[in-house]
Amino acid sequence: MRTRILLACVLTSAMVATAAAQELTPLEQLGKFLLFDNQLSTPHGQSCAACHAPEVGYTGPHSTINAHGAVYPGAVHTRFGNRKPPTVAYGGDSPVMYYDQDEGLWVGGMFWDGRATGWTLGDPLAEQAMGPFLNPLEQNNPNAKLVCTKVAQSSYAGLFEEVWGPGSLDPVKDVAGTYERIARSVAAYERSAELNPFTSKFDYYLQGEAELTEQEAWGLALFNGKGMCALCHLSEPGPNGEPPLFTDFTYDNLGVPRNGENPFYTMPRRWNPDGWLWVDMGLGGFLEAAGYPPEVFEPELGKHKVPTLRNVDLRPYPDFVKAFGHNGYFKSLEEIVHFYNTRDVEPWPEPEVPMNVNSDELGNLGLTQDEEAAIVAFMRTLSDGYVETRLAE
């Protein structure tokens, strides 16, 4: 079994639960305006929040979409990307991508395949924010200049120059600088206490202000032990008591089957030249496209980023369907936990990418049905807003 690395940088900037009461700084407020602005697409109508909504933990907010292909339409509603929207919360500590020689693992970056490496801006989160605005399958702007022009015409243009200084919003003479400042503003909001409040029941438990039920406590013990979940989804507080982020920012091939309802398979050849033969190679595909040799990218084929489990079950109402896995194949926590437990001993469909499948930490865990249920119960304690939920009951 490989040893997962506990990166100091994973937790160094994590905020304690009391930070949730803090007001947004002007920079964070600017980023919020940008994230929710549905004028920053072509045609208008597609904000970042259309795929990353707060009521579901800043991931996909439509139950019907999640129940099927799990991939969201872009500003041009006949165009679809190829993966389920990841959460944009609790990701700000993902480091600039690097290869850990000791562990033999790639670490950091943003997007499911890590292509927002941080190698250009020194900030993967800001580089990630640059992508969707210009992606023809998402917000579909033809160039950065148009995005900058739209921001210059917005109601918050004054705040932009208040934050970044006079002349900082220049869509004519300084497109590159303006576009970078847009991205860094979005990243600042995504790092704010509003997206990272640490107000789950588990956070209050860590502070001694809430008690886990017997089932939840059993689930936590299984999560850290027999279930081996914590090898990737780090659950221990940091050295100075920083709350855990439930990810180590590495990449893994879990052996997830392909999602046959993914609309990307039927996209025109302009967007998907492989059609039904398309295979999502994840990190390995990015590394190959970036020019790395086979000995580097081949061991990473099929691997996708380990997501945070914070807000993994946050939903606006009980029957709302959330999708799990990079392609949204799984439709409940119960289903994906059962897959982790039984992938190699029950007749699941074949992995989409059969190479590099993790067989050390999942596939035949020997969990009973009650143990699976306990792990699910524990993961449900990771939803923010515990106090508000209790007051509403």
Protein backbone atom coordinates (compact mmCIF):
# COMPACT_ATOMS: atom_id res chain seq x y z
CA MET A 1 0.00 0.00 0.00
CA ARG A 2 1.44 3.33 -0.94
CA THR A 3 1.92 6.00 1.67
CA ARG A 4 0.01 9.20 1.11
CA ILE A 5 1.82 12.41 1.77
CA LEU A 6 0.65 14.90 4.34
CA LEU A 7 1.53 18.21 2.74
CA ALA A 8 2.03 21.08 5.08
CA CYS A 9 0.73 23.38 2.38
CA VAL A 10 -2.57 21.49 2.35
CA LEU A 11 -3.56 23.01 5.66
CA THR A 12 -1.45 26.12 6.14
CA SER A 13 -4.07 28.55 4.88
CA ALA A 14 -7.20 26.73 6.07
CA MET A 15 -9.55 28.93 8.07
CA VAL A 16 -11.19 28.00 11.36
CA ALA A 17 -14.95 27.85 11.66
CA THR A 18 -15.27 31.25 13.29
CA ALA A 19 -14.02 32.85 10.07
CA ALA A 20 -17.46 32.26 8.58
CA ALA A 21 -18.70 35.36 10.36
CA GLN A 22 -16.17 37.60 8.64
CA GLU A 23 -17.32 39.97 5.93
CA LEU A 24 -15.85 39.69 2.46
CA THR A 25 -12.89 41.91 1.71
CA PRO A 26 -13.24 44.23 -1.32
CA LEU A 27 -11.13 41.80 -3.37
CA GLU A 28 -13.29 38.85 -2.33
CA GLN A 29 -16.47 40.82 -3.06
CA LEU A 30 -15.14 41.62 -6.52
CA GLY A 31 -14.50 37.93 -7.08
CA LYS A 32 -18.04 37.16 -5.97
CA PHE A 33 -19.48 39.62 -8.48
CA LEU A 34 -17.42 37.95 -11.20
CA LEU A 35 -18.42 34.42 -10.19
CA PHE A 36 -22.15 35.21 -10.28
CA ASP A 37 -22.16 37.55 -13.29
CA ASN A 38 -24.17 35.87 -16.07
CA GLN A 39 -23.16 38.58 -18.56
CA LEU A 40 -19.63 37.21 -18.81
CA SER A 41 -20.53 34.61 -21.44
CA THR A 42 -21.35 34.59 -25.14
CA PRO A 43 -24.30 34.67 -25.42
CA HIS A 44 -25.18 36.16 -22.05
CA GLY A 45 -26.75 33.93 -19.41
CA GLN A 46 -23.96 31.63 -18.22
CA SER A 47 -22.20 32.56 -14.98
CA CYS A 48 -19.57 30.46 -13.23
CA ALA A 49 -22.22 29.76 -10.58
CA ALA A 50 -24.41 28.06 -13.19
CA CYS A 51 -22.20 25.01 -12.68
CA HIS A 52 -20.85 25.85 -9.21
CA ALA A 53 -23.78 26.79 -6.98
CA PRO A 54 -23.61 27.35 -3.20
CA GLU A 55 -26.68 25.29 -2.31
CA VAL A 56 -24.91 22.12 -3.47
CA GLY A 57 -21.42 22.91 -2.23
CA TYR A 58 -20.40 24.88 -5.34
CA THR A 59 -20.89 22.07 -7.82
CA GLY A 60 -23.69 21.21 -10.27
CA PRO A 61 -27.09 22.52 -9.08
CA HIS A 62 -29.54 20.62 -11.33
CA SER A 63 -30.90 17.34 -10.02
CA THR A 64 -32.10 16.09 -13.42
CA ILE A 65 -28.74 16.69 -15.08
CA ASN A 66 -26.93 15.04 -12.19
CA ALA A 67 -29.21 12.00 -12.41
CA HIS A 68 -28.09 11.31 -15.97
CA GLY A 69 -25.07 12.60 -17.89
CA ALA A 70 -23.97 14.88 -15.01
CA VAL A 71 -22.18 17.15 -17.54
CA TYR A 72 -23.57 20.67 -17.88
CA PRO A 73 -24.43 22.66 -21.00
CA GLY A 74 -22.48 25.80 -21.74
CA ALA A 75 -23.61 29.25 -22.85
CA VAL A 76 -24.44 27.62 -26.18
CA HIS A 77 -26.84 25.07 -24.76
CA THR A 78 -26.17 22.42 -27.38
CA ARG A 79 -22.52 22.22 -26.31
CA PHE A 80 -21.33 20.17 -23.36
CA GLY A 81 -18.02 19.64 -21.63
CA ASN A 82 -16.76 16.18 -20.81
CA ARG A 83 -16.73 15.99 -17.00
CA LYS A 84 -18.94 16.67 -13.99
CA PRO A 85 -18.36 20.12 -12.46
CA PRO A 86 -15.99 19.83 -9.48
CA THR A 87 -16.53 21.96 -6.42
CA VAL A 88 -14.70 25.30 -6.37
CA ALA A 89 -14.76 25.42 -2.55
CA TYR A 90 -12.03 24.12 -0.25
CA GLY A 91 -9.52 23.93 -3.12
CA GLY A 92 -7.43 27.03 -2.52
CA ASP A 93 -4.61 25.17 -0.81
CA SER A 94 -3.92 22.95 -3.80
CA PRO A 95 -0.24 23.62 -4.50
CA VAL A 96 1.41 24.42 -7.80
CA MET A 97 1.61 21.04 -9.51
CA TYR A 98 4.79 19.07 -8.91
CA TYR A 99 5.98 15.48 -8.97
CA ASP A 100 6.87 14.06 -5.59
CA GLN A 101 9.86 11.82 -6.26
CA ASP A 102 9.68 10.01 -2.93
CA GLU A 103 6.01 9.06 -3.25
CA GLY A 104 5.92 8.74 -7.04
CA LEU A 105 2.83 10.97 -7.22
CA TRP A 106 1.79 14.14 -8.98
CA VAL A 107 0.42 16.68 -6.50
CA GLY A 108 -1.52 19.90 -6.95
CA GLY A 109 -3.02 21.80 -9.83
CA MET A 110 -6.72 22.35 -10.53
CA PHE A 111 -9.37 20.74 -12.75
CA TRP A 112 -10.01 17.01 -12.71
CA ASP A 113 -6.94 16.46 -14.91
CA GLY A 114 -4.68 19.05 -13.27
CA ARG A 115 -4.19 21.14 -16.38
CA ALA A 116 -4.42 24.39 -14.38
CA THR A 117 -0.99 23.67 -12.98
CA GLY A 118 -0.11 27.03 -11.51
CA TRP A 119 3.14 27.02 -13.46
CA THR A 120 2.30 30.34 -15.14
CA LEU A 121 0.71 32.45 -12.41
CA GLY A 122 2.02 30.59 -9.38
CA ASP A 123 -1.63 29.98 -8.42
CA PRO A 124 -3.56 26.98 -9.78
CA LEU A 125 -6.87 28.41 -8.58
CA ALA A 126 -6.40 31.62 -10.57
CA GLU A 127 -5.31 29.67 -13.64
CA GLN A 128 -8.42 27.51 -13.33
CA ALA A 129 -10.57 30.65 -13.25
CA MET A 130 -9.15 31.70 -16.62
CA GLY A 131 -10.32 28.55 -18.39
CA PRO A 132 -14.14 28.52 -18.50
CA PHE A 133 -14.51 32.10 -19.79
CA LEU A 134 -12.74 31.12 -23.03
CA ASN A 135 -13.84 27.51 -23.34
CA PRO A 136 -16.27 27.20 -26.31
CA LEU A 137 -18.06 24.42 -24.43
CA GLU A 138 -18.57 26.60 -21.36
CA GLN A 139 -18.83 30.41 -21.35
CA ASN A 140 -17.74 30.60 -24.97
CA ASN A 141 -16.07 34.01 -25.14
CA PRO A 142 -13.87 34.23 -28.25
CA ASN A 143 -11.02 36.01 -26.46
CA ALA A 144 -9.91 37.56 -23.19
CA LYS A 145 -10.42 41.07 -24.52
CA LEU A 146 -14.17 40.56 -24.71
CA VAL A 147 -14.30 39.30 -21.11
CA CYS A 148 -12.32 42.34 -19.96
CA THR A 149 -14.61 44.65 -21.93
CA LYS A 150 -17.69 43.13 -20.30
CA VAL A 151 -16.18 43.64 -16.85
CA ALA A 152 -15.30 47.25 -17.75
CA GLN A 153 -18.98 47.80 -18.64
CA SER A 154 -20.29 46.13 -15.46
CA SER A 155 -21.82 47.78 -12.40
CA TYR A 156 -18.79 46.73 -10.34
CA ALA A 157 -16.13 48.23 -12.62
CA GLY A 158 -15.49 50.92 -10.02
CA LEU A 159 -14.83 48.32 -7.35
CA PHE A 160 -12.35 46.64 -9.70
CA GLU A 161 -10.22 49.79 -9.92
CA GLU A 162 -10.69 50.45 -6.23
CA VAL A 163 -9.22 47.02 -5.51
CA TRP A 164 -6.50 46.88 -8.18
CA GLY A 165 -5.76 50.56 -8.68
CA PRO A 166 -6.48 53.23 -11.31
CA GLY A 167 -6.02 51.96 -14.85
CA SER A 168 -6.10 48.31 -13.76
CA LEU A 169 -9.25 47.60 -15.80
CA ASP A 170 -8.03 48.29 -19.32
CA PRO A 171 -9.50 46.05 -22.04
CA VAL A 172 -7.58 47.86 -24.77
CA LYS A 173 -3.98 48.42 -23.72
CA ASP A 174 -3.61 45.78 -21.00
CA VAL A 175 -5.76 42.78 -21.82
CA ALA A 176 -3.35 40.24 -20.36
CA GLY A 177 -2.95 42.12 -17.08
CA THR A 178 -6.65 42.83 -16.74
CA TYR A 179 -7.59 39.23 -17.46
CA GLU A 180 -5.10 37.99 -14.88
CA ARG A 181 -6.57 40.36 -12.29
CA ILE A 182 -10.05 39.02 -13.09
CA ALA A 183 -8.83 35.47 -12.48
CA ARG A 184 -7.02 36.38 -9.26
CA SER A 185 -10.16 38.10 -8.00
CA VAL A 186 -12.26 35.00 -8.60
CA ALA A 187 -9.61 32.91 -6.84
CA ALA A 188 -9.67 35.28 -3.86
CA TYR A 189 -13.42 34.78 -3.49
CA GLU A 190 -13.03 31.02 -3.85
CA ARG A 191 -10.57 31.16 -0.94
CA SER A 192 -12.86 33.29 1.21
CA ALA A 193 -14.66 32.22 4.35
CA GLU A 194 -17.91 32.33 2.39
CA LEU A 195 -16.85 29.28 0.35
CA ASN A 196 -14.69 27.74 3.07
CA PRO A 197 -16.55 28.35 6.32
CA PHE A 198 -15.69 25.09 8.13
CA THR A 199 -19.13 25.01 9.77
CA SER A 200 -19.98 21.33 9.44
CA LYS A 201 -21.02 19.13 12.31
CA PHE A 202 -17.59 17.51 12.11
CA ASP A 203 -15.93 20.90 12.60
CA TYR A 204 -18.01 21.53 15.70
CA TYR A 205 -17.13 18.02 16.86
CA LEU A 206 -13.44 18.80 16.47
CA GLN A 207 -13.97 21.91 18.61
CA GLY A 208 -15.78 19.92 21.28
CA GLU A 209 -19.07 21.68 20.55
CA ALA A 210 -21.00 18.77 19.01
CA GLU A 211 -21.18 15.03 19.51
CA LEU A 212 -21.24 12.46 16.74
CA THR A 213 -23.92 9.82 16.90
CA GLU A 214 -22.82 6.28 17.55
CA GLN A 215 -23.15 5.48 13.85
CA GLU A 216 -21.25 8.61 12.77
CA ALA A 217 -18.43 7.92 15.22
CA TRP A 218 -18.21 4.35 13.97
CA GLY A 219 -18.12 5.69 10.43
CA LEU A 220 -15.25 8.01 11.30
CA ALA A 221 -13.29 5.09 12.75
CA LEU A 222 -13.95 3.04 9.61
CA PHE A 223 -13.10 6.03 7.40
CA ASN A 224 -9.71 6.25 9.08
CA GLY A 225 -9.21 2.50 9.36
CA LYS A 226 -10.78 -0.43 7.54
CA GLY A 227 -12.26 1.72 4.77
CA MET A 228 -8.85 3.36 4.09
CA CYS A 229 -10.65 6.54 2.95
CA ALA A 230 -8.33 8.83 4.93
CA LEU A 231 -5.29 7.68 2.96
CA CYS A 232 -6.42 10.11 0.25
CA HIS A 233 -9.09 12.18 2.00
CA LEU A 234 -7.04 13.42 4.93
CA SER A 235 -9.21 13.69 8.04
CA GLU A 236 -6.81 14.73 10.80
CA PRO A 237 -6.40 18.37 11.87
CA GLY A 238 -3.16 20.08 10.94
CA PRO A 239 -0.18 20.59 13.26
CA ASN A 240 -1.68 23.82 14.61
CA GLY A 241 -5.24 22.55 14.74
CA GLU A 242 -6.16 23.60 11.21
CA PRO A 243 -9.33 21.80 10.09
CA PRO A 244 -8.74 19.04 7.55
CA LEU A 245 -9.63 19.51 3.89
CA PHE A 246 -10.38 15.83 3.16
CA THR A 247 -8.09 15.68 0.13
CA ASP A 248 -4.36 15.28 -0.39
CA PHE A 249 -4.52 16.95 -3.86
CA THR A 250 -3.12 13.88 -5.64
CA TYR A 251 -4.54 11.84 -8.54
CA ASP A 252 -6.00 8.35 -8.76
CA ASN A 253 -7.65 5.92 -11.15
CA LEU A 254 -10.48 4.39 -9.15
CA GLY A 255 -11.63 2.17 -11.98
CA VAL A 256 -14.80 4.20 -12.51
CA PRO A 257 -16.92 2.89 -15.41
CA ARG A 258 -17.71 5.23 -18.26
CA ASN A 259 -20.94 7.18 -17.99
CA GLY A 260 -22.79 6.26 -21.16
CA GLU A 261 -25.22 9.15 -20.70
CA ASN A 262 -22.44 11.74 -20.91
CA PRO A 263 -23.59 14.10 -23.72
CA PHE A 264 -19.99 14.72 -24.75
CA TYR A 265 -20.03 11.38 -26.59
CA THR A 266 -22.53 12.76 -29.08
CA MET A 267 -20.92 16.15 -29.56
CA PRO A 268 -19.95 17.06 -33.16
CA ARG A 269 -16.53 15.96 -34.33
CA ARG A 270 -15.31 19.53 -34.05
CA TRP A 271 -15.45 19.12 -30.28
CA ASN A 272 -15.14 15.35 -29.93
CA PRO A 273 -13.41 13.77 -32.93
CA ASP A 274 -13.45 10.33 -31.27
CA GLY A 275 -17.21 10.19 -30.75
CA TRP A 276 -18.32 7.11 -28.79
CA LEU A 277 -14.70 5.92 -28.75
CA TRP A 278 -13.58 8.89 -26.63
CA VAL A 279 -11.80 7.84 -23.43
CA ASP A 280 -11.07 10.24 -20.59
CA MET A 281 -7.37 9.79 -19.86
CA GLY A 282 -7.34 12.38 -17.07
CA LEU A 283 -3.97 13.49 -15.74
CA GLY A 284 -2.13 11.21 -18.15
CA GLY A 285 -3.94 12.78 -21.08
CA PHE A 286 -2.96 16.26 -19.93
CA LEU A 287 0.67 15.26 -19.44
CA GLU A 288 0.77 13.67 -22.89
CA ALA A 289 -0.71 16.80 -24.48
CA ALA A 290 1.83 18.89 -22.57
CA GLY A 291 4.65 17.01 -24.32
CA TYR A 292 5.84 14.63 -21.62
CA PRO A 293 7.32 11.31 -22.80
CA PRO A 294 5.47 8.00 -22.43
CA GLU A 295 7.43 6.99 -19.34
CA VAL A 296 5.94 10.03 -17.59
CA PHE A 297 2.35 10.15 -18.85
CA GLU A 298 1.55 6.45 -19.22
CA PRO A 299 1.58 5.69 -15.45
CA GLU A 300 -0.93 8.55 -15.00
CA LEU A 301 -3.49 7.51 -17.63
CA GLY A 302 -6.98 7.39 -16.20
CA LYS A 303 -6.10 9.26 -13.02
CA HIS A 304 -8.23 12.15 -11.78
CA LYS A 305 -7.80 14.54 -8.92
CA VAL A 306 -8.82 13.41 -5.44
CA PRO A 307 -11.72 15.74 -4.56
CA THR A 308 -12.43 17.20 -1.17
CA LEU A 309 -15.25 15.45 0.65
CA ARG A 310 -16.41 18.63 2.33
CA ASN A 311 -20.05 19.28 1.40
CA VAL A 312 -20.06 16.00 -0.49
CA ASP A 313 -23.70 15.45 0.55
CA LEU A 314 -24.85 19.09 0.73
CA ARG A 315 -28.12 19.42 -1.20
CA PRO A 316 -31.12 21.78 -1.18
CA TYR A 317 -33.69 19.07 -0.42
CA PRO A 318 -33.55 15.35 0.44
CA ASP A 319 -34.53 13.97 -2.97
CA PHE A 320 -32.07 16.16 -4.88
CA VAL A 321 -29.69 13.95 -6.88
CA LYS A 322 -25.98 14.60 -6.61
CA ALA A 323 -23.51 12.87 -8.94
CA PHE A 324 -20.19 11.43 -7.78
CA GLY A 325 -16.95 10.59 -9.56
CA HIS A 326 -15.27 12.68 -12.25
CA ASN A 327 -17.89 11.64 -14.81
CA GLY A 328 -20.88 11.52 -12.47
CA TYR A 329 -21.38 7.79 -12.91
CA PHE A 330 -22.52 7.30 -9.31
CA LYS A 331 -25.76 8.86 -8.09
CA SER A 332 -25.55 8.46 -4.31
CA LEU A 333 -23.00 8.23 -1.56
CA GLU A 334 -24.26 4.74 -0.83
CA GLU A 335 -23.51 3.65 -4.39
CA ILE A 336 -19.99 5.03 -4.57
CA VAL A 337 -19.06 3.68 -1.14
CA HIS A 338 -20.34 0.26 -2.19
CA PHE A 339 -18.23 0.53 -5.34
CA TYR A 340 -15.12 1.34 -3.29
CA ASN A 341 -15.86 -1.68 -1.14
CA THR A 342 -16.81 -4.25 -3.80
CA ARG A 343 -15.40 -3.17 -7.17
CA ASP A 344 -13.22 -6.26 -7.52
CA VAL A 345 -15.65 -8.81 -6.08
CA GLU A 346 -19.01 -7.84 -7.60
CA PRO A 347 -19.98 -7.57 -11.30
CA TRP A 348 -19.44 -3.85 -11.81
CA PRO A 349 -18.92 -2.59 -15.38
CA GLU A 350 -15.34 -2.48 -16.61
CA PRO A 351 -13.24 0.60 -15.81
CA GLU A 352 -13.22 3.25 -18.50
CA VAL A 353 -9.42 3.21 -18.30
CA PRO A 354 -8.16 -0.25 -17.24
CA MET A 355 -4.54 0.85 -16.77
CA ASN A 356 -3.21 2.13 -13.45
CA VAL A 357 -6.33 1.19 -11.46
CA ASN A 358 -5.78 1.53 -7.71
CA SER A 359 -6.13 -1.98 -6.29
CA ASP A 360 -4.27 -1.31 -3.02
CA GLU A 361 -6.76 0.99 -1.31
CA LEU A 362 -10.13 -0.04 -2.69
CA GLY A 363 -11.94 -2.77 -4.55
CA ASN A 364 -12.20 -5.49 -1.91
CA LEU A 365 -12.39 -3.86 1.50
CA GLY A 366 -14.61 -6.43 3.17
CA LEU A 367 -16.98 -3.86 4.65
CA THR A 368 -20.39 -5.06 5.77
CA GLN A 369 -23.55 -3.28 4.71
CA ASP A 370 -23.79 -1.66 8.14
CA GLU A 371 -20.18 -0.50 7.91
CA GLU A 372 -20.82 1.08 4.52
CA ALA A 373 -23.84 2.87 6.00
CA ALA A 374 -21.74 4.14 8.89
CA ILE A 375 -19.14 5.64 6.53
CA VAL A 376 -21.93 7.37 4.60
CA ALA A 377 -23.37 8.70 7.86
CA PHE A 378 -19.99 10.14 8.77
CA MET A 379 -19.53 11.82 5.38
CA ARG A 380 -22.88 13.52 5.88
CA THR A 381 -21.41 15.31 8.89
CA LEU A 382 -19.13 17.23 6.48
CA SER A 383 -21.89 19.52 5.16
CA ASP A 384 -21.49 23.17 6.15
CA GLY A 385 -24.25 25.06 7.95
CA TYR A 386 -24.69 22.65 10.87
CA VAL A 387 -25.81 25.35 13.32
CA GLU A 388 -28.24 26.85 10.81
CA THR A 389 -29.65 23.41 10.10
CA ARG A 390 -30.13 22.72 13.79
CA LEU A 391 -31.91 26.04 14.33
CA ALA A 392 -34.26 25.27 11.46
CA GLU A 393 -35.32 21.92 12.92
